[in-house]
Structures are given as C-alpha cells and as structure tokens.
PDB file of N, CA and C in Angstrom:
ATOM      1  N   MET A   1      10.664  -1.310  -6.254  1.00  0.00           N
ATOM      2  CA  MET A   1       9.399  -1.493  -5.785  1.00  0.00           C
ATOM      3  C   MET A   1       8.977   0.483  -6.428  1.00  0.00           C
ATOM      4  N   PRO A   2       8.059   0.353  -7.325  1.00  0.00           N
ATOM      5  CA  PRO A   2       7.467   1.543  -7.660  1.00  0.00           C
ATOM      6  C   PRO A   2       6.357   1.892  -6.964  1.00  0.00           C
ATOM      7  N   THR A   3       6.259   3.228  -6.389  1.00  0.00           N
ATOM      8  CA  THR A   3       5.768   3.498  -5.319  1.00  0.00           C
ATOM      9  C   THR A   3       4.520   4.426  -6.843  1.00  0.00           C
ATOM     10  N   ILE A   4       3.300   4.398  -6.137  1.00  0.00           N
ATOM     11  CA  ILE A   4       1.805   4.236  -5.917  1.00  0.00           C
ATOM     12  C   ILE A   4       0.971   5.377  -5.904  1.00  0.00           C
ATOM     13  N   SER A   5       1.495   5.899  -4.592  1.00  0.00           N
ATOM     14  CA  SER A   5       0.656   6.764  -4.329  1.00  0.00           C
ATOM     15  C   SER A   5       2.112   7.864  -2.909  1.00  0.00           C
ATOM     16  N   MET A   6       2.284   8.872  -3.158  1.00  0.00           N
ATOM     17  CA  MET A   6       2.338   9.657  -1.681  1.00  0.00           C
ATOM     18  C   MET A   6       1.562  11.055  -1.165  1.00  0.00           C
ATOM     19  N   PHE A   7       1.337  11.429  -0.122  1.00  0.00           N
ATOM     20  CA  PHE A   7       0.600  11.902   0.668  1.00  0.00           C
ATOM     21  C   PHE A   7       0.971  12.321   2.151  1.00  0.00           C
ATOM     22  N   TYR A   8       0.889  13.354   2.284  1.00  0.00           N
ATOM     23  CA  TYR A   8       0.580  13.557   3.700  1.00  0.00           C
ATOM     24  C   TYR A   8       2.522  13.376   4.079  1.00  0.00           C
ATOM     25  N   GLY A   9       3.464  13.003   3.119  1.00  0.00           N
ATOM     26  CA  GLY A   9       5.096  12.327   3.954  1.00  0.00           C
ATOM     27  C   GLY A   9       4.574  10.199   3.735  1.00  0.00           C
ATOM     28  N   ILE A  10       3.536  10.506   3.607  1.00  0.00           N
ATOM     29  CA  ILE A  10       3.533   8.830   3.432  1.00  0.00           C
ATOM     30  C   ILE A  10       3.355   8.767   2.008  1.00  0.00           C
ATOM     31  N   LEU A  11       4.642   7.486   1.948  1.00  0.00           N
ATOM     32  CA  LEU A  11       4.889   6.390   0.455  1.00  0.00           C
ATOM     33  C   LEU A  11       4.250   4.886   0.045  1.00  0.00           C
ATOM     34  N   VAL A  12       3.682   5.342  -0.148  1.00  0.00           N
ATOM     35  CA  VAL A  12       3.141   3.766  -1.203  1.00  0.00           C
ATOM     36  C   VAL A  12       3.422   3.337  -1.932  1.00  0.00           C
ATOM     37  N   ALA A  13       4.187   1.816  -2.174  1.00  0.00           N
ATOM     38  CA  ALA A  13       4.745   0.986  -3.119  1.00  0.00           C
ATOM     39  C   ALA A  13       4.372  -0.299  -2.728  1.00  0.00           C
ATOM     40  N   MET A  14       4.417  -0.804  -4.398  1.00  0.00           N
ATOM     41  CA  MET A  14       3.926  -1.869  -4.095  1.00  0.00           C
ATOM     42  C   MET A  14       4.732  -2.577  -5.526  1.00  0.00           C
ATOM     43  N   TYR A  15       5.535  -3.850  -4.624  1.00  0.00           N
ATOM     44  CA  TYR A  15       6.724  -4.913  -5.314  1.00  0.00           C
ATOM     45  C   TYR A  15       5.504  -5.747  -5.970  1.00  0.00           C
ATOM     46  N   VAL A  16       6.536  -5.709  -7.264  1.00  0.00           N
ATOM     47  CA  VAL A  16       6.618  -6.889  -8.462  1.00  0.00           C
ATOM     48  C   VAL A  16       6.462  -8.068  -8.106  1.00  0.00           C
ATOM     49  N   LEU A  17       5.489  -9.322  -8.089  1.00  0.00           N
ATOM     50  CA  LEU A  17       5.961 -10.957  -7.500  1.00  0.00           C
ATOM     51  C   LEU A  17       6.144 -11.018  -6.352  1.00  0.00           C
ATOM     52  N   ASP A  18       6.120  -9.997  -5.397  1.00  0.00           N
ATOM     53  CA  ASP A  18       5.728  -9.751  -4.176  1.00  0.00           C
ATOM     54  C   ASP A  18       4.647 -10.465  -3.502  1.00  0.00           C
ATOM     55  N   THR A  19       4.039 -11.987  -3.424  1.00  0.00           N
ATOM     56  CA  THR A  19       3.569 -12.907  -3.064  1.00  0.00           C
ATOM     57  C   THR A  19       3.683 -13.701  -1.956  1.00  0.00           C
ATOM     58  N   ASP A  20       5.977 -14.008  -2.544  1.00  0.00           N
ATOM     59  CA  ASP A  20       6.521 -15.212  -1.443  1.00  0.00           C
ATOM     60  C   ASP A  20       6.108 -14.853   0.869  1.00  0.00           C
ATOM     61  N   LYS A  21       6.186 -13.763   0.540  1.00  0.00           N
ATOM     62  CA  LYS A  21       6.194 -13.666   2.202  1.00  0.00           C
ATOM     63  C   LYS A  21       5.175 -13.839   2.530  1.00  0.00           C
ATOM     64  N   HIS A  22       4.668 -12.325   2.142  1.00  0.00           N
ATOM     65  CA  HIS A  22       2.887 -11.954   2.705  1.00  0.00           C
ATOM     66  C   HIS A  22       1.915 -12.187   1.175  1.00  0.00           C
ATOM     67  N   HIS A  23       1.248 -13.558   1.179  1.00  0.00           N
ATOM     68  CA  HIS A  23       0.658 -13.977  -0.175  1.00  0.00           C
ATOM     69  C   HIS A  23      -0.983 -13.575   0.378  1.00  0.00           C
ATOM     70  N   LEU A  24      -1.428 -12.629   0.395  1.00  0.00           N
ATOM     71  CA  LEU A  24      -2.474 -11.499   0.602  1.00  0.00           C
ATOM     72  C   LEU A  24      -2.017 -10.343  -0.142  1.00  0.00           C
ATOM     73  N   PRO A  25      -3.227  -9.602  -0.500  1.00  0.00           N
ATOM     74  CA  PRO A  25      -3.022  -8.559  -1.335  1.00  0.00           C
ATOM     75  C   PRO A  25      -1.798  -7.159   0.113  1.00  0.00           C
ATOM     76  N   HIS A  26      -0.896  -6.469  -0.633  1.00  0.00           N
ATOM     77  CA  HIS A  26      -1.054  -5.267   0.290  1.00  0.00           C
ATOM     78  C   HIS A  26       0.138  -4.626  -0.317  1.00  0.00           C
ATOM     79  N   ILE A  27       0.647  -3.572   1.126  1.00  0.00           N
ATOM     80  CA  ILE A  27       0.936  -2.216  -0.288  1.00  0.00           C
ATOM     81  C   ILE A  27       2.041  -2.689   1.052  1.00  0.00           C
ATOM     82  N   HIS A  28       3.501  -1.554   0.851  1.00  0.00           N
ATOM     83  CA  HIS A  28       4.507  -1.305   1.547  1.00  0.00           C
ATOM     84  C   HIS A  28       4.234  -0.450   1.729  1.00  0.00           C
ATOM     85  N   VAL A  29       4.351   0.508   2.589  1.00  0.00           N
ATOM     86  CA  VAL A  29       4.070   2.454   3.269  1.00  0.00           C
ATOM     87  C   VAL A  29       5.695   2.312   4.296  1.00  0.00           C
ATOM     88  N   ARG A  30       6.037   3.969   4.171  1.00  0.00           N
ATOM     89  CA  ARG A  30       7.444   4.124   4.737  1.00  0.00           C
ATOM     90  C   ARG A  30       6.230   6.131   5.093  1.00  0.00           C
ATOM     91  N   TYR A  31       6.816   5.948   6.194  1.00  0.00           N
ATOM     92  CA  TYR A  31       6.822   7.488   6.475  1.00  0.00           C
ATOM     93  C   TYR A  31       7.706   7.691   7.390  1.00  0.00           C
ATOM     94  N   ASN A  32       8.757   8.868   7.347  1.00  0.00           N
ATOM     95  CA  ASN A  32      10.185   9.108   7.721  1.00  0.00           C
ATOM     96  C   ASN A  32      11.042   7.895   8.841  1.00  0.00           C
ATOM     97  N   ASP A  33      10.284   7.266   9.896  1.00  0.00           N
ATOM     98  CA  ASP A  33      12.365   5.694   9.770  1.00  0.00           C
ATOM     99  C   ASP A  33      10.891   4.810   9.864  1.00  0.00           C
ATOM    100  N   PHE A  34       9.284   5.146   9.679  1.00  0.00           N
ATOM    101  CA  PHE A  34       8.671   4.165  10.270  1.00  0.00           C
ATOM    102  C   PHE A  34       7.969   3.473   8.426  1.00  0.00           C
ATOM    103  N   LYS A  35       8.375   1.538   8.586  1.00  0.00           N
ATOM    104  CA  LYS A  35       7.537   1.017   7.803  1.00  0.00           C
ATOM    105  C   LYS A  35       6.682   0.071   7.842  1.00  0.00           C
ATOM    106  N   ALA A  36       5.718  -0.396   7.141  1.00  0.00           N
ATOM    107  CA  ALA A  36       4.969  -1.175   7.466  1.00  0.00           C
ATOM    108  C   ALA A  36       3.907  -1.569   6.380  1.00  0.00           C
ATOM    109  N   VAL A  37       3.482  -2.946   6.579  1.00  0.00           N
ATOM    110  CA  VAL A  37       3.501  -3.822   5.653  1.00  0.00           C
ATOM    111  C   VAL A  37       1.628  -3.592   5.759  1.00  0.00           C
ATOM    112  N   ILE A  38       0.444  -3.231   4.768  1.00  0.00           N
ATOM    113  CA  ILE A  38      -0.169  -3.664   5.217  1.00  0.00           C
ATOM    114  C   ILE A  38      -1.469  -4.674   3.860  1.00  0.00           C
ATOM    115  N   GLN A  39      -1.836  -4.788   4.354  1.00  0.00           N
ATOM    116  CA  GLN A  39      -3.005  -6.161   3.796  1.00  0.00           C
ATOM    117  C   GLN A  39      -4.388  -4.645   3.303  1.00  0.00           C
ATOM    118  N   ILE A  40      -4.973  -4.830   2.090  1.00  0.00           N
ATOM    119  CA  ILE A  40      -5.497  -4.544   1.337  1.00  0.00           C
ATOM    120  C   ILE A  40      -6.546  -5.380   1.124  1.00  0.00           C
ATOM    121  N   PRO A  41      -7.723  -5.893   0.969  1.00  0.00           N
ATOM    122  CA  PRO A  41      -8.813  -4.699   1.097  1.00  0.00           C
ATOM    123  C   PRO A  41      -9.019  -4.082   2.690  1.00  0.00           C
ATOM    124  N   ASP A  42      -8.187  -4.509   3.650  1.00  0.00           N
ATOM    125  CA  ASP A  42      -8.917  -4.083   4.194  1.00  0.00           C
ATOM    126  C   ASP A  42      -8.623  -2.792   5.520  1.00  0.00           C
ATOM    127  N   GLY A  43      -7.087  -3.072   4.716  1.00  0.00           N
ATOM    128  CA  GLY A  43      -5.766  -2.515   5.954  1.00  0.00           C
ATOM    129  C   GLY A  43      -5.351  -2.749   6.750  1.00  0.00           C
ATOM    130  N   TYR A  44      -6.081  -4.139   7.327  1.00  0.00           N
ATOM    131  CA  TYR A  44      -4.683  -4.384   8.660  1.00  0.00           C
ATOM    132  C   TYR A  44      -3.260  -4.096   8.166  1.00  0.00           C
ATOM    133  N   LEU A  45      -3.024  -4.101   9.186  1.00  0.00           N
ATOM    134  CA  LEU A  45      -1.379  -4.325   9.312  1.00  0.00           C
ATOM    135  C   LEU A  45      -1.326  -5.788   9.966  1.00  0.00           C
ATOM    136  N   LEU A  46       0.342  -5.628   8.551  1.00  0.00           N
ATOM    137  CA  LEU A  46       1.052  -6.818   8.470  1.00  0.00           C
ATOM    138  C   LEU A  46       1.959  -6.935   9.651  1.00  0.00           C
ATOM    139  N   GLU A  47       2.800  -6.120   9.433  1.00  0.00           N
ATOM    140  CA  GLU A  47       4.021  -5.838   9.764  1.00  0.00           C
ATOM    141  C   GLU A  47       4.156  -4.683   9.323  1.00  0.00           C
ATOM    142  N   GLY A  48       5.756  -4.457  10.714  1.00  0.00           N
ATOM    143  CA  GLY A  48       6.017  -3.027  11.165  1.00  0.00           C
ATOM    144  C   GLY A  48       4.433  -2.281  11.879  1.00  0.00           C
ATOM    145  N   GLU A  49       5.023  -0.807  11.873  1.00  0.00           N
ATOM    146  CA  GLU A  49       4.890   0.268  12.566  1.00  0.00           C
ATOM    147  C   GLU A  49       4.404   1.523  11.958  1.00  0.00           C
ATOM    148  N   LEU A  50       3.444   2.522  12.213  1.00  0.00           N
ATOM    149  CA  LEU A  50       2.706   3.634  11.453  1.00  0.00           C
ATOM    150  C   LEU A  50       2.398   4.567  13.002  1.00  0.00           C
ATOM    151  N   PRO A  51       2.279   5.495  13.196  1.00  0.00           N
ATOM    152  CA  PRO A  51       2.080   6.634  14.224  1.00  0.00           C
ATOM    153  C   PRO A  51       0.607   6.329  14.018  1.00  0.00           C
ATOM    154  N   PRO A  52      -0.254   6.825  14.293  1.00  0.00           N
ATOM    155  CA  PRO A  52      -2.000   6.637  14.566  1.00  0.00           C
ATOM    156  C   PRO A  52      -1.995   7.130  13.530  1.00  0.00           C
ATOM    157  N   ARG A  53      -1.713   8.795  13.252  1.00  0.00           N
ATOM    158  CA  ARG A  53      -2.152   9.564  12.593  1.00  0.00           C
ATOM    159  C   ARG A  53      -2.306   9.105  11.206  1.00  0.00           C
ATOM    160  N   GLN A  54      -0.510   8.777  11.092  1.00  0.00           N
ATOM    161  CA  GLN A  54      -0.608   8.850   9.993  1.00  0.00           C
ATOM    162  C   GLN A  54      -1.527   6.455   9.402  1.00  0.00           C
ATOM    163  N   MET A  55      -1.508   5.625  10.336  1.00  0.00           N
ATOM    164  CA  MET A  55      -1.783   4.648   9.835  1.00  0.00           C
ATOM    165  C   MET A  55      -3.535   5.464   9.393  1.00  0.00           C
ATOM    166  N   LYS A  56      -4.059   5.981  10.248  1.00  0.00           N
ATOM    167  CA  LYS A  56      -5.538   6.761   9.708  1.00  0.00           C
ATOM    168  C   LYS A  56      -5.659   6.813   8.730  1.00  0.00           C
ATOM    169  N   LEU A  57      -4.860   8.147   8.374  1.00  0.00           N
ATOM    170  CA  LEU A  57      -5.152   8.255   6.776  1.00  0.00           C
ATOM    171  C   LEU A  57      -4.779   7.777   5.764  1.00  0.00           C
ATOM    172  N   LEU A  58      -4.001   6.739   5.895  1.00  0.00           N
ATOM    173  CA  LEU A  58      -3.838   5.191   5.118  1.00  0.00           C
ATOM    174  C   LEU A  58      -5.232   4.839   4.488  1.00  0.00           C
ATOM    175  N   GLN A  59      -5.658   4.390   6.140  1.00  0.00           N
ATOM    176  CA  GLN A  59      -6.869   3.216   5.779  1.00  0.00           C
ATOM    177  C   GLN A  59      -7.918   4.230   5.321  1.00  0.00           C
ATOM    178  N   ALA A  60      -7.911   5.121   5.671  1.00  0.00           N
ATOM    179  CA  ALA A  60      -9.131   5.764   4.485  1.00  0.00           C
ATOM    180  C   ALA A  60      -8.564   6.452   3.124  1.00  0.00           C
ATOM    181  N   TRP A  61      -7.237   6.347   2.930  1.00  0.00           N
ATOM    182  CA  TRP A  61      -7.158   5.850   1.466  1.00  0.00           C
ATOM    183  C   TRP A  61      -6.780   4.487   1.131  1.00  0.00           C
ATOM    184  N   ILE A  62      -6.625   4.396   1.761  1.00  0.00           N
ATOM    185  CA  ILE A  62      -7.530   2.010   1.479  1.00  0.00           C
ATOM    186  C   ILE A  62      -9.109   1.968   1.007  1.00  0.00           C
ATOM    187  N   GLU A  63      -9.092   2.487   2.004  1.00  0.00           N
ATOM    188  CA  GLU A  63     -10.938   2.914   1.751  1.00  0.00           C
ATOM    189  C   GLU A  63     -11.640   3.322   0.199  1.00  0.00           C
ATOM    190  N   ILE A  64     -10.996   4.604   0.149  1.00  0.00           N
ATOM    191  CA  ILE A  64     -11.366   5.323  -0.774  1.00  0.00           C
ATOM    192  C   ILE A  64     -11.483   4.998  -2.610  1.00  0.00           C
ATOM    193  N   HIS A  65      -9.886   3.741  -1.993  1.00  0.00           N
ATOM    194  CA  HIS A  65      -9.027   3.785  -3.748  1.00  0.00           C
ATOM    195  C   HIS A  65      -9.103   2.134  -3.581  1.00  0.00           C
ATOM    196  N   ARG A  66      -9.773   1.077  -2.929  1.00  0.00           N
ATOM    197  CA  ARG A  66      -9.836   0.423  -2.949  1.00  0.00           C
ATOM    198  C   ARG A  66     -10.133  -0.776  -4.032  1.00  0.00           C
ATOM    199  N   ASP A  67     -10.874  -0.624  -4.635  1.00  0.00           N
ATOM    200  CA  ASP A  67     -11.169  -1.373  -6.317  1.00  0.00           C
ATOM    201  C   ASP A  67      -9.641  -0.661  -6.778  1.00  0.00           C
ATOM    202  N   GLU A  68      -8.960   0.484  -6.798  1.00  0.00           N
ATOM    203  CA  GLU A  68      -7.452   0.447  -8.356  1.00  0.00           C
ATOM    204  C   GLU A  68      -6.387  -0.688  -7.073  1.00  0.00           C
ATOM    205  N   LEU A  69      -7.102  -0.275  -5.788  1.00  0.00           N
ATOM    206  CA  LEU A  69      -5.579  -1.016  -5.157  1.00  0.00           C
ATOM    207  C   LEU A  69      -5.543  -2.612  -6.164  1.00  0.00           C
ATOM    208  N   MET A  70      -6.807  -3.128  -5.643  1.00  0.00           N
ATOM    209  CA  MET A  70      -6.912  -4.475  -6.075  1.00  0.00           C
ATOM    210  C   MET A  70      -6.706  -4.934  -7.039  1.00  0.00           C
ATOM    211  N   ALA A  71      -6.792  -4.278  -7.966  1.00  0.00           N
ATOM    212  CA  ALA A  71      -6.471  -3.878  -9.571  1.00  0.00           C
ATOM    213  C   ALA A  71      -5.404  -3.979  -9.647  1.00  0.00           C
ATOM    214  N   ASP A  72      -4.059  -3.479  -9.102  1.00  0.00           N
ATOM    215  CA  ASP A  72      -2.547  -3.177  -8.959  1.00  0.00           C
ATOM    216  C   ASP A  72      -2.066  -4.233  -8.689  1.00  0.00           C
ATOM    217  N   TRP A  73      -2.701  -4.910  -7.412  1.00  0.00           N
ATOM    218  CA  TRP A  73      -1.251  -6.129  -6.225  1.00  0.00           C
ATOM    219  C   TRP A  73      -2.123  -7.332  -7.883  1.00  0.00           C
ATOM    220  N   TYR A  74      -3.712  -7.674  -8.737  1.00  0.00           N
ATOM    221  CA  TYR A  74      -3.406  -7.805  -9.863  1.00  0.00           C
ATOM    222  C   TYR A  74      -2.309  -7.579 -10.333  1.00  0.00           C
ATOM    223  N   LEU A  75      -1.815  -6.508 -11.116  1.00  0.00           N
ATOM    224  CA  LEU A  75      -1.108  -6.253 -12.061  1.00  0.00           C
ATOM    225  C   LEU A  75       0.486  -6.892 -11.106  1.00  0.00           C
ATOM    226  N   ALA A  76       0.819  -6.408 -10.322  1.00  0.00           N
ATOM    227  CA  ALA A  76       1.897  -6.688  -9.502  1.00  0.00           C
ATOM    228  C   ALA A  76       2.214  -7.856  -9.738  1.00  0.00           C
ATOM    229  N   SER A  77       0.765  -8.750  -9.104  1.00  0.00           N
ATOM    230  CA  SER A  77       1.435 -10.641  -9.083  1.00  0.00           C
ATOM    231  C   SER A  77       1.584 -11.321  -9.800  1.00  0.00           C
ATOM    232  N   THR A  78       1.009 -11.089 -10.959  1.00  0.00           N
ATOM    233  CA  THR A  78       1.316 -10.875 -12.860  1.00  0.00           C
ATOM    234  C   THR A  78       2.457 -10.662 -13.253  1.00  0.00           C
ATOM    235  N   GLY A  79       3.301  -9.591 -12.247  1.00  0.00           N
ATOM    236  CA  GLY A  79       4.565  -9.577 -12.637  1.00  0.00           C
ATOM    237  C   GLY A  79       5.144  -8.015 -14.092  1.00  0.00           C
ATOM    238  N   GLN A  80       3.305  -7.445 -13.213  1.00  0.00           N
ATOM    239  CA  GLN A  80       3.308  -5.420 -14.462  1.00  0.00           C
ATOM    240  C   GLN A  80       3.011  -4.691 -13.527  1.00  0.00           C
ATOM    241  N   THR A  81       4.031  -3.606 -13.671  1.00  0.00           N
ATOM    242  CA  THR A  81       3.633  -2.367 -13.453  1.00  0.00           C
ATOM    243  C   THR A  81       2.268  -1.943 -12.750  1.00  0.00           C
ATOM    244  N   PRO A  82       2.345  -2.093 -12.129  1.00  0.00           N
ATOM    245  CA  PRO A  82       0.630  -0.894 -11.043  1.00  0.00           C
ATOM    246  C   PRO A  82       0.751   0.259 -11.516  1.00  0.00           C
ATOM    247  N   PHE A  83      -0.275   1.130 -12.103  1.00  0.00           N
ATOM    248  CA  PHE A  83      -0.698   2.301 -12.306  1.00  0.00           C
ATOM    249  C   PHE A  83       0.116   2.999 -10.696  1.00  0.00           C
ATOM    250  N   LYS A  84      -0.395   4.235 -10.968  1.00  0.00           N
ATOM    251  CA  LYS A  84      -0.087   5.169  -9.690  1.00  0.00           C
ATOM    252  C   LYS A  84      -1.404   5.471  -9.539  1.00  0.00           C
ATOM    253  N   ILE A  85      -1.879   5.944  -8.290  1.00  0.00           N
ATOM    254  CA  ILE A  85      -3.084   6.232  -7.565  1.00  0.00           C
ATOM    255  C   ILE A  85      -3.012   7.335  -7.311  1.00  0.00           C
ATOM    256  N   ASP A  86      -4.568   8.080  -7.083  1.00  0.00           N
ATOM    257  CA  ASP A  86      -4.920   9.503  -6.486  1.00  0.00           C
ATOM    258  C   ASP A  86      -4.129   9.462  -4.801  1.00  0.00           C
ATOM    259  N   PRO A  87      -3.500  10.604  -4.848  1.00  0.00           N
ATOM    260  CA  PRO A  87      -2.935  11.063  -3.016  1.00  0.00           C
ATOM    261  C   PRO A  87      -4.747  11.504  -2.533  1.00  0.00           C
ATOM    262  N   LEU A  88      -3.959  11.002  -1.173  1.00  0.00           N
ATOM    263  CA  LEU A  88      -5.209  11.275  -0.151  1.00  0.00           C
ATOM    264  C   LEU A  88      -5.804  13.219  -0.215  1.00  0.00           C
ATOM    265  N   ARG A  89      -6.543  13.401  -0.823  1.00  0.00           N
ATOM    266  CA  ARG A  89      -6.827  14.835  -0.304  1.00  0.00           C
ATOM    267  C   ARG A  89      -6.913  15.802   0.723  1.00  0.00           C
TER     268      ARG A  89
END
C-alpha cells in the first residue's frame, strides 16, 4: 500500500487494484490508532473513523488535491503505482 502523502501525523495511502470492497474512488487514512476509508473526490467517510480535527484537515487536503487524487485513483485501479501528493501546509 503506497503512502501518497503524510501531514500532521495523518498518513494517506492508496492501494493498487483496490476496487473489490469499495467500488468508489477512495483513500485509506491512518492517524494514531484511528483508521478510515475516505471517498474521493468529496471526502465522505466510507468506513472507520478519524477525530473531527483530523477529518477537517483531510477534507481540506482532498479539496486542494482533488484532480491529483482522481488521477492517482485511475493509476491504482489499473495496477500502476500512484504518485506522491504534496502534504497540507
């Protein structure tokens, strides 16, 4: 599972060929003991949980990098390695 970005203790990853369980474009997120699956491009929580502050930071990051995330989803869904995306600053 390639980590595509990391900021404020939040790790964002995208699995290659991960379309079986969640058919929608999504990312996997870890923050301390929290794990979540977040839909892109809208930032909707599909599974798990994150603290409210980290969820807001993540949703802001998704908004900024929507096009890059969708391009990475295409790469990952076709078996290619997604590119790194700049962290939230």
